[in-house]
Amino acid sequence: MVNCGIKLEPNKTVEITVARSDCKLLPKGSSIRLIGPRLDENSSGPVCVTALAGIYPWIMTARFGIQSENLAWNYGYKVCCPEGKVEFHIITL
């Protein structure tokens, strides 16, 4: 195994906020907070598993603290759910 000298911290806290919504299940302004891989139930609103599955690459990138221009980093990631009804803003806290 090659060690490239990169130290990644996958347990960062990530906040996923609903920036725009045409979905009755996820109102605008609601948010989901993850502490590493764990859902913080006390700081989270409603959760759509389909949406989380679709945006998970950006969630993982945020968990690792990566700010990738190739994934459209702009003080967080802005991505839509697979159905295109909800736009999320994903940041590392």
PDB file of N, CA and C in Angstrom:
ATOM      1  N   MET A   1       0.841  -1.179   0.000  1.00  0.00           N
ATOM      2  CA  MET A   1       0.000   0.000   0.000  1.00  0.00           C
ATOM      3  C   MET A   1       0.886   1.241   0.000  1.00  0.00           C
ATOM      4  N   VAL A   2       0.581   2.186  -0.870  1.00  0.00           N
ATOM      5  CA  VAL A   2       1.368   3.401  -1.002  1.00  0.00           C
ATOM      6  C   VAL A   2       0.815   4.474  -0.074  1.00  0.00           C
ATOM      7  N   ASN A   3       1.693   5.111   0.698  1.00  0.00           N
ATOM      8  CA  ASN A   3       1.291   6.224   1.547  1.00  0.00           C
ATOM      9  C   ASN A   3       1.701   7.508   0.846  1.00  0.00           C
ATOM     10  N   CYS A   4       0.729   8.279   0.396  1.00  0.00           N
ATOM     11  CA  CYS A   4       1.002   9.516  -0.342  1.00  0.00           C
ATOM     12  C   CYS A   4       1.173  10.713   0.583  1.00  0.00           C
ATOM     13  N   GLY A   5       1.175  10.492   1.881  1.00  0.00           N
ATOM     14  CA  GLY A   5       1.354  11.594   2.815  1.00  0.00           C
ATOM     15  C   GLY A   5       0.092  12.405   3.053  1.00  0.00           C
ATOM     16  N   ILE A   6      -1.033  11.940   2.555  1.00  0.00           N
ATOM     17  CA  ILE A   6      -2.293  12.664   2.735  1.00  0.00           C
ATOM     18  C   ILE A   6      -2.971  12.149   3.992  1.00  0.00           C
ATOM     19  N   LYS A   7      -3.339  13.058   4.873  1.00  0.00           N
ATOM     20  CA  LYS A   7      -4.058  12.681   6.083  1.00  0.00           C
ATOM     21  C   LYS A   7      -5.486  13.205   5.961  1.00  0.00           C
ATOM     22  N   LEU A   8      -6.405  12.284   5.772  1.00  0.00           N
ATOM     23  CA  LEU A   8      -7.801  12.647   5.636  1.00  0.00           C
ATOM     24  C   LEU A   8      -8.530  12.382   6.946  1.00  0.00           C
ATOM     25  N   GLU A   9      -9.483  13.230   7.275  1.00  0.00           N
ATOM     26  CA  GLU A   9     -10.244  13.108   8.509  1.00  0.00           C
ATOM     27  C   GLU A   9     -11.714  12.897   8.165  1.00  0.00           C
ATOM     28  N   PRO A  10     -12.129  11.644   8.023  1.00  0.00           N
ATOM     29  CA  PRO A  10     -13.489  11.385   7.559  1.00  0.00           C
ATOM     30  C   PRO A  10     -14.578  11.617   8.591  1.00  0.00           C
ATOM     31  N   ASN A  11     -14.260  12.037   9.786  1.00  0.00           N
ATOM     32  CA  ASN A  11     -15.276  12.195  10.812  1.00  0.00           C
ATOM     33  C   ASN A  11     -15.698  13.638  11.054  1.00  0.00           C
ATOM     34  N   LYS A  12     -15.498  14.501  10.077  1.00  0.00           N
ATOM     35  CA  LYS A  12     -15.929  15.883  10.204  1.00  0.00           C
ATOM     36  C   LYS A  12     -17.455  15.941  10.227  1.00  0.00           C
ATOM     37  N   THR A  13     -17.990  16.997  10.823  1.00  0.00           N
ATOM     38  CA  THR A  13     -19.435  17.209  10.853  1.00  0.00           C
ATOM     39  C   THR A  13     -19.853  17.902   9.565  1.00  0.00           C
ATOM     40  N   VAL A  14     -20.920  17.402   8.968  1.00  0.00           N
ATOM     41  CA  VAL A  14     -21.427  17.932   7.703  1.00  0.00           C
ATOM     42  C   VAL A  14     -22.866  18.375   7.900  1.00  0.00           C
ATOM     43  N   GLU A  15     -23.186  19.549   7.375  1.00  0.00           N
ATOM     44  CA  GLU A  15     -24.565  20.039   7.409  1.00  0.00           C
ATOM     45  C   GLU A  15     -25.091  20.133   5.984  1.00  0.00           C
ATOM     46  N   ILE A  16     -26.258  19.562   5.777  1.00  0.00           N
ATOM     47  CA  ILE A  16     -26.913  19.529   4.472  1.00  0.00           C
ATOM     48  C   ILE A  16     -28.207  20.326   4.620  1.00  0.00           C
ATOM     49  N   THR A  17     -28.261  21.499   3.994  1.00  0.00           N
ATOM     50  CA  THR A  17     -29.420  22.385   4.122  1.00  0.00           C
ATOM     51  C   THR A  17     -30.209  22.398   2.821  1.00  0.00           C
ATOM     52  N   VAL A  18     -31.533  22.404   2.946  1.00  0.00           N
ATOM     53  CA  VAL A  18     -32.403  22.488   1.776  1.00  0.00           C
ATOM     54  C   VAL A  18     -32.447  23.949   1.329  1.00  0.00           C
ATOM     55  N   ALA A  19     -31.856  24.222   0.162  1.00  0.00           N
ATOM     56  CA  ALA A  19     -31.785  25.586  -0.365  1.00  0.00           C
ATOM     57  C   ALA A  19     -32.997  25.929  -1.226  1.00  0.00           C
ATOM     58  N   ARG A  20     -33.543  24.922  -1.897  1.00  0.00           N
ATOM     59  CA  ARG A  20     -34.738  25.102  -2.743  1.00  0.00           C
ATOM     60  C   ARG A  20     -35.498  23.788  -2.702  1.00  0.00           C
ATOM     61  N   SER A  21     -36.852  23.877  -2.675  1.00  0.00           N
ATOM     62  CA  SER A  21     -37.611  22.638  -2.608  1.00  0.00           C
ATOM     63  C   SER A  21     -38.966  22.754  -3.290  1.00  0.00           C
ATOM     64  N   ASP A  22     -39.253  21.755  -4.107  1.00  0.00           N
ATOM     65  CA  ASP A  22     -40.578  21.547  -4.664  1.00  0.00           C
ATOM     66  C   ASP A  22     -41.124  20.222  -4.137  1.00  0.00           C
ATOM     67  N   CYS A  23     -40.631  19.820  -2.982  1.00  0.00           N
ATOM     68  CA  CYS A  23     -40.983  18.543  -2.370  1.00  0.00           C
ATOM     69  C   CYS A  23     -41.661  18.799  -1.027  1.00  0.00           C
ATOM     70  N   LYS A  24     -42.795  18.168  -0.810  1.00  0.00           N
ATOM     71  CA  LYS A  24     -43.532  18.335   0.451  1.00  0.00           C
ATOM     72  C   LYS A  24     -42.798  17.711   1.635  1.00  0.00           C
ATOM     73  N   LEU A  25     -41.931  16.740   1.368  1.00  0.00           N
ATOM     74  CA  LEU A  25     -41.229  16.044   2.445  1.00  0.00           C
ATOM     75  C   LEU A  25     -40.042  16.829   3.005  1.00  0.00           C
ATOM     76  N   LEU A  26     -39.421  17.669   2.168  1.00  0.00           N
ATOM     77  CA  LEU A  26     -38.228  18.409   2.593  1.00  0.00           C
ATOM     78  C   LEU A  26     -38.446  19.907   2.380  1.00  0.00           C
ATOM     79  N   PRO A  27     -38.927  20.616   3.392  1.00  0.00           N
ATOM     80  CA  PRO A  27     -39.164  22.051   3.233  1.00  0.00           C
ATOM     81  C   PRO A  27     -37.865  22.853   3.159  1.00  0.00           C
ATOM     82  N   LYS A  28     -37.923  23.943   2.419  1.00  0.00           N
ATOM     83  CA  LYS A  28     -36.778  24.857   2.313  1.00  0.00           C
ATOM     84  C   LYS A  28     -36.353  25.299   3.711  1.00  0.00           C
ATOM     85  N   GLY A  29     -35.053  25.335   3.936  1.00  0.00           N
ATOM     86  CA  GLY A  29     -34.514  25.758   5.223  1.00  0.00           C
ATOM     87  C   GLY A  29     -34.278  24.617   6.193  1.00  0.00           C
ATOM     88  N   SER A  30     -34.879  23.456   5.950  1.00  0.00           N
ATOM     89  CA  SER A  30     -34.625  22.331   6.854  1.00  0.00           C
ATOM     90  C   SER A  30     -33.205  21.815   6.609  1.00  0.00           C
ATOM     91  N   SER A  31     -32.668  21.124   7.588  1.00  0.00           N
ATOM     92  CA  SER A  31     -31.296  20.643   7.441  1.00  0.00           C
ATOM     93  C   SER A  31     -31.112  19.284   8.081  1.00  0.00           C
ATOM     94  N   ILE A  32     -30.069  18.631   7.630  1.00  0.00           N
ATOM     95  CA  ILE A  32     -29.654  17.326   8.144  1.00  0.00           C
ATOM     96  C   ILE A  32     -28.200  17.481   8.570  1.00  0.00           C
ATOM     97  N   ARG A  33     -27.871  16.970   9.731  1.00  0.00           N
ATOM     98  CA  ARG A  33     -26.493  17.060  10.207  1.00  0.00           C
ATOM     99  C   ARG A  33     -25.947  15.655  10.419  1.00  0.00           C
ATOM    100  N   LEU A  34     -24.758  15.439   9.902  1.00  0.00           N
ATOM    101  CA  LEU A  34     -24.056  14.172  10.077  1.00  0.00           C
ATOM    102  C   LEU A  34     -22.777  14.426  10.859  1.00  0.00           C
ATOM    103  N   ILE A  35     -22.515  13.590  11.839  1.00  0.00           N
ATOM    104  CA  ILE A  35     -21.254  13.626  12.573  1.00  0.00           C
ATOM    105  C   ILE A  35     -20.499  12.381  12.120  1.00  0.00           C
ATOM    106  N   GLY A  36     -19.552  12.577  11.211  1.00  0.00           N
ATOM    107  CA  GLY A  36     -18.925  11.431  10.559  1.00  0.00           C
ATOM    108  C   GLY A  36     -20.019  10.704   9.798  1.00  0.00           C
ATOM    109  N   PRO A  37     -20.135   9.408   9.970  1.00  0.00           N
ATOM    110  CA  PRO A  37     -21.151   8.651   9.249  1.00  0.00           C
ATOM    111  C   PRO A  37     -22.514   8.622   9.955  1.00  0.00           C
ATOM    112  N   ARG A  38     -22.591   9.205  11.152  1.00  0.00           N
ATOM    113  CA  ARG A  38     -23.789   9.090  11.983  1.00  0.00           C
ATOM    114  C   ARG A  38     -24.726  10.285  11.816  1.00  0.00           C
ATOM    115  N   LEU A  39     -26.011  10.002  11.680  1.00  0.00           N
ATOM    116  CA  LEU A  39     -27.032  11.039  11.630  1.00  0.00           C
ATOM    117  C   LEU A  39     -27.202  11.628  13.026  1.00  0.00           C
ATOM    118  N   ASP A  40     -27.105  12.945  13.146  1.00  0.00           N
ATOM    119  CA  ASP A  40     -27.347  13.632  14.413  1.00  0.00           C
ATOM    120  C   ASP A  40     -28.847  13.915  14.497  1.00  0.00           C
ATOM    121  N   GLU A  41     -29.584  13.004  15.120  1.00  0.00           N
ATOM    122  CA  GLU A  41     -31.043  13.093  15.157  1.00  0.00           C
ATOM    123  C   GLU A  41     -31.538  14.373  15.827  1.00  0.00           C
ATOM    124  N   ASN A  42     -30.805  14.865  16.821  1.00  0.00           N
ATOM    125  CA  ASN A  42     -31.227  16.051  17.567  1.00  0.00           C
ATOM    126  C   ASN A  42     -31.090  17.339  16.769  1.00  0.00           C
ATOM    127  N   SER A  43     -30.243  17.350  15.749  1.00  0.00           N
ATOM    128  CA  SER A  43     -29.993  18.561  14.961  1.00  0.00           C
ATOM    129  C   SER A  43     -30.462  18.416  13.517  1.00  0.00           C
ATOM    130  N   SER A  44     -31.319  17.423  13.258  1.00  0.00           N
ATOM    131  CA  SER A  44     -31.729  17.162  11.879  1.00  0.00           C
ATOM    132  C   SER A  44     -33.237  17.220  11.723  1.00  0.00           C
ATOM    133  N   GLY A  45     -33.635  17.699  10.549  1.00  0.00           N
ATOM    134  CA  GLY A  45     -35.040  17.687  10.179  1.00  0.00           C
ATOM    135  C   GLY A  45     -35.356  16.395   9.448  1.00  0.00           C
ATOM    136  N   PRO A  46     -36.368  16.426   8.576  1.00  0.00           N
ATOM    137  CA  PRO A  46     -36.732  15.222   7.832  1.00  0.00           C
ATOM    138  C   PRO A  46     -35.605  14.755   6.917  1.00  0.00           C
ATOM    139  N   VAL A  47     -35.551  13.442   6.709  1.00  0.00           N
ATOM    140  CA  VAL A  47     -34.504  12.830   5.895  1.00  0.00           C
ATOM    141  C   VAL A  47     -35.153  12.052   4.756  1.00  0.00           C
ATOM    142  N   CYS A  48     -34.644  12.234   3.549  1.00  0.00           N
ATOM    143  CA  CYS A  48     -35.062  11.451   2.392  1.00  0.00           C
ATOM    144  C   CYS A  48     -33.880  10.575   1.993  1.00  0.00           C
ATOM    145  N   VAL A  49     -34.028   9.281   2.137  1.00  0.00           N
ATOM    146  CA  VAL A  49     -32.932   8.361   1.865  1.00  0.00           C
ATOM    147  C   VAL A  49     -32.563   8.369   0.383  1.00  0.00           C
ATOM    148  N   THR A  50     -33.546   8.519  -0.500  1.00  0.00           N
ATOM    149  CA  THR A  50     -33.262   8.581  -1.938  1.00  0.00           C
ATOM    150  C   THR A  50     -32.381   9.783  -2.253  1.00  0.00           C
ATOM    151  N   ALA A  51     -32.702  10.936  -1.671  1.00  0.00           N
ATOM    152  CA  ALA A  51     -31.897  12.140  -1.890  1.00  0.00           C
ATOM    153  C   ALA A  51     -30.485  11.949  -1.341  1.00  0.00           C
ATOM    154  N   LEU A  52     -30.367  11.409  -0.121  1.00  0.00           N
ATOM    155  CA  LEU A  52     -29.041  11.206   0.467  1.00  0.00           C
ATOM    156  C   LEU A  52     -28.198  10.257  -0.374  1.00  0.00           C
ATOM    157  N   ALA A  53     -28.816   9.213  -0.894  1.00  0.00           N
ATOM    158  CA  ALA A  53     -28.070   8.272  -1.743  1.00  0.00           C
ATOM    159  C   ALA A  53     -27.552   8.973  -2.993  1.00  0.00           C
ATOM    160  N   GLY A  54     -28.367   9.850  -3.574  1.00  0.00           N
ATOM    161  CA  GLY A  54     -27.981  10.540  -4.799  1.00  0.00           C
ATOM    162  C   GLY A  54     -26.892  11.577  -4.611  1.00  0.00           C
ATOM    163  N   ILE A  55     -26.844  12.203  -3.434  1.00  0.00           N
ATOM    164  CA  ILE A  55     -25.854  13.263  -3.196  1.00  0.00           C
ATOM    165  C   ILE A  55     -24.689  12.781  -2.326  1.00  0.00           C
ATOM    166  N   TYR A  56     -24.635  11.481  -2.044  1.00  0.00           N
ATOM    167  CA  TYR A  56     -23.625  10.962  -1.126  1.00  0.00           C
ATOM    168  C   TYR A  56     -22.176  11.221  -1.543  1.00  0.00           C
ATOM    169  N   PRO A  57     -21.837  11.232  -2.829  1.00  0.00           N
ATOM    170  CA  PRO A  57     -20.438  11.570  -3.165  1.00  0.00           C
ATOM    171  C   PRO A  57     -20.019  12.951  -2.642  1.00  0.00           C
ATOM    172  N   TRP A  58     -20.904  13.916  -2.662  1.00  0.00           N
ATOM    173  CA  TRP A  58     -20.596  15.256  -2.164  1.00  0.00           C
ATOM    174  C   TRP A  58     -20.565  15.269  -0.635  1.00  0.00           C
ATOM    175  N   ILE A  59     -21.419  14.456  -0.020  1.00  0.00           N
ATOM    176  CA  ILE A  59     -21.401  14.336   1.438  1.00  0.00           C
ATOM    177  C   ILE A  59     -20.057  13.762   1.884  1.00  0.00           C
ATOM    178  N   MET A  60     -19.600  12.693   1.224  1.00  0.00           N
ATOM    179  CA  MET A  60     -18.313  12.098   1.585  1.00  0.00           C
ATOM    180  C   MET A  60     -17.167  13.075   1.365  1.00  0.00           C
ATOM    181  N   THR A  61     -17.219  13.810   0.285  1.00  0.00           N
ATOM    182  CA  THR A  61     -16.180  14.802   0.010  1.00  0.00           C
ATOM    183  C   THR A  61     -16.144  15.838   1.131  1.00  0.00           C
ATOM    184  N   ALA A  62     -17.303  16.294   1.573  1.00  0.00           N
ATOM    185  CA  ALA A  62     -17.371  17.255   2.676  1.00  0.00           C
ATOM    186  C   ALA A  62     -16.889  16.628   3.978  1.00  0.00           C
ATOM    187  N   ARG A  63     -17.233  15.368   4.214  1.00  0.00           N
ATOM    188  CA  ARG A  63     -16.757  14.680   5.426  1.00  0.00           C
ATOM    189  C   ARG A  63     -15.251  14.617   5.489  1.00  0.00           C
ATOM    190  N   PHE A  64     -14.606  14.500   4.342  1.00  0.00           N
ATOM    191  CA  PHE A  64     -13.153  14.454   4.296  1.00  0.00           C
ATOM    192  C   PHE A  64     -12.531  15.847   4.257  1.00  0.00           C
ATOM    193  N   GLY A  65     -13.367  16.889   4.222  1.00  0.00           N
ATOM    194  CA  GLY A  65     -12.859  18.253   4.214  1.00  0.00           C
ATOM    195  C   GLY A  65     -12.272  18.676   2.882  1.00  0.00           C
ATOM    196  N   ILE A  66     -12.672  18.016   1.802  1.00  0.00           N
ATOM    197  CA  ILE A  66     -12.135  18.307   0.472  1.00  0.00           C
ATOM    198  C   ILE A  66     -12.959  19.412  -0.186  1.00  0.00           C
ATOM    199  N   GLN A  67     -12.276  20.413  -0.687  1.00  0.00           N
ATOM    200  CA  GLN A  67     -12.918  21.521  -1.392  1.00  0.00           C
ATOM    201  C   GLN A  67     -12.519  21.427  -2.867  1.00  0.00           C
ATOM    202  N   SER A  68     -13.243  20.598  -3.608  1.00  0.00           N
ATOM    203  CA  SER A  68     -12.870  20.289  -4.978  1.00  0.00           C
ATOM    204  C   SER A  68     -13.588  21.169  -5.992  1.00  0.00           C
ATOM    205  N   GLU A  69     -12.812  21.921  -6.756  1.00  0.00           N
ATOM    206  CA  GLU A  69     -13.401  22.714  -7.837  1.00  0.00           C
ATOM    207  C   GLU A  69     -14.010  21.801  -8.896  1.00  0.00           C
ATOM    208  N   ASN A  70     -13.465  20.598  -9.061  1.00  0.00           N
ATOM    209  CA  ASN A  70     -14.009  19.640 -10.026  1.00  0.00           C
ATOM    210  C   ASN A  70     -15.410  19.167  -9.642  1.00  0.00           C
ATOM    211  N   LEU A  71     -15.753  19.258  -8.367  1.00  0.00           N
ATOM    212  CA  LEU A  71     -17.089  18.899  -7.899  1.00  0.00           C
ATOM    213  C   LEU A  71     -17.912  20.145  -7.581  1.00  0.00           C
ATOM    214  N   ALA A  72     -17.481  21.284  -8.125  1.00  0.00           N
ATOM    215  CA  ALA A  72     -18.205  22.568  -8.024  1.00  0.00           C
ATOM    216  C   ALA A  72     -18.232  23.147  -6.607  1.00  0.00           C
ATOM    217  N   TRP A  73     -17.106  23.055  -5.893  1.00  0.00           N
ATOM    218  CA  TRP A  73     -17.007  23.673  -4.559  1.00  0.00           C
ATOM    219  C   TRP A  73     -17.159  25.184  -4.702  1.00  0.00           C
ATOM    220  N   ASN A  74     -18.022  25.776  -3.930  1.00  0.00           N
ATOM    221  CA  ASN A  74     -18.195  27.228  -3.861  1.00  0.00           C
ATOM    222  C   ASN A  74     -18.695  27.546  -2.458  1.00  0.00           C
ATOM    223  N   TYR A  75     -17.791  27.513  -1.477  1.00  0.00           N
ATOM    224  CA  TYR A  75     -18.141  27.673  -0.066  1.00  0.00           C
ATOM    225  C   TYR A  75     -19.213  26.665   0.323  1.00  0.00           C
ATOM    226  N   GLY A  76     -19.039  25.463  -0.137  1.00  0.00           N
ATOM    227  CA  GLY A  76     -19.973  24.360   0.035  1.00  0.00           C
ATOM    228  C   GLY A  76     -20.300  23.791  -1.330  1.00  0.00           C
ATOM    229  N   TYR A  77     -21.014  22.677  -1.308  1.00  0.00           N
ATOM    230  CA  TYR A  77     -21.443  22.057  -2.561  1.00  0.00           C
ATOM    231  C   TYR A  77     -22.937  22.281  -2.730  1.00  0.00           C
ATOM    232  N   LYS A  78     -23.355  22.652  -3.926  1.00  0.00           N
ATOM    233  CA  LYS A  78     -24.774  22.792  -4.239  1.00  0.00           C
ATOM    234  C   LYS A  78     -25.135  21.694  -5.224  1.00  0.00           C
ATOM    235  N   VAL A  79     -26.005  20.792  -4.782  1.00  0.00           N
ATOM    236  CA  VAL A  79     -26.398  19.647  -5.598  1.00  0.00           C
ATOM    237  C   VAL A  79     -27.891  19.407  -5.462  1.00  0.00           C
ATOM    238  N   CYS A  80     -28.455  18.732  -6.441  1.00  0.00           N
ATOM    239  CA  CYS A  80     -29.886  18.407  -6.438  1.00  0.00           C
ATOM    240  C   CYS A  80     -30.101  16.935  -6.160  1.00  0.00           C
ATOM    241  N   CYS A  81     -31.275  16.632  -5.641  1.00  0.00           N
ATOM    242  CA  CYS A  81     -31.649  15.238  -5.433  1.00  0.00           C
ATOM    243  C   CYS A  81     -31.846  14.578  -6.800  1.00  0.00           C
ATOM    244  N   PRO A  82     -31.902  13.246  -6.858  1.00  0.00           N
ATOM    245  CA  PRO A  82     -32.054  12.557  -8.139  1.00  0.00           C
ATOM    246  C   PRO A  82     -33.308  12.963  -8.914  1.00  0.00           C
ATOM    247  N   GLU A  83     -34.351  13.385  -8.222  1.00  0.00           N
ATOM    248  CA  GLU A  83     -35.589  13.790  -8.894  1.00  0.00           C
ATOM    249  C   GLU A  83     -35.559  15.252  -9.320  1.00  0.00           C
ATOM    250  N   GLY A  84     -34.552  16.003  -8.900  1.00  0.00           N
ATOM    251  CA  GLY A  84     -34.430  17.408  -9.266  1.00  0.00           C
ATOM    252  C   GLY A  84     -35.393  18.323  -8.539  1.00  0.00           C
ATOM    253  N   LYS A  85     -36.066  17.822  -7.515  1.00  0.00           N
ATOM    254  CA  LYS A  85     -37.049  18.629  -6.787  1.00  0.00           C
ATOM    255  C   LYS A  85     -36.443  19.432  -5.643  1.00  0.00           C
ATOM    256  N   VAL A  86     -35.288  19.001  -5.162  1.00  0.00           N
ATOM    257  CA  VAL A  86     -34.669  19.636  -3.995  1.00  0.00           C
ATOM    258  C   VAL A  86     -33.213  19.968  -4.310  1.00  0.00           C
ATOM    259  N   GLU A  87     -32.823  21.208  -3.986  1.00  0.00           N
ATOM    260  CA  GLU A  87     -31.416  21.604  -4.091  1.00  0.00           C
ATOM    261  C   GLU A  87     -30.855  21.707  -2.676  1.00  0.00           C
ATOM    262  N   PHE A  88     -29.720  21.087  -2.481  1.00  0.00           N
ATOM    263  CA  PHE A  88     -29.072  21.069  -1.172  1.00  0.00           C
ATOM    264  C   PHE A  88     -27.790  21.894  -1.200  1.00  0.00           C
ATOM    265  N   HIS A  89     -27.440  22.449  -0.051  1.00  0.00           N
ATOM    266  CA  HIS A  89     -26.161  23.109   0.151  1.00  0.00           C
ATOM    267  C   HIS A  89     -25.447  22.301   1.233  1.00  0.00           C
ATOM    268  N   ILE A  90     -24.289  21.765   0.890  1.00  0.00           N
ATOM    269  CA  ILE A  90     -23.554  20.872   1.789  1.00  0.00           C
ATOM    270  C   ILE A  90     -22.272  21.573   2.245  1.00  0.00           C
ATOM    271  N   ILE A  91     -22.104  21.684   3.564  1.00  0.00           N
ATOM    272  CA  ILE A  91     -20.897  22.324   4.103  1.00  0.00           C
ATOM    273  C   ILE A  91     -20.291  21.455   5.195  1.00  0.00           C
ATOM    274  N   THR A  92     -19.000  21.657   5.420  1.00  0.00           N
ATOM    275  CA  THR A  92     -18.295  21.034   6.525  1.00  0.00           C
ATOM    276  C   THR A  92     -18.286  22.021   7.682  1.00  0.00           C
ATOM    277  N   LEU A  93     -18.679  21.559   8.861  1.00  0.00           N
ATOM    278  CA  LEU A  93     -18.680  22.438  10.041  1.00  0.00           C
ATOM    279  C   LEU A  93     -17.402  22.269  10.829  1.00  0.00           C
TER     280      LEU A  93
END
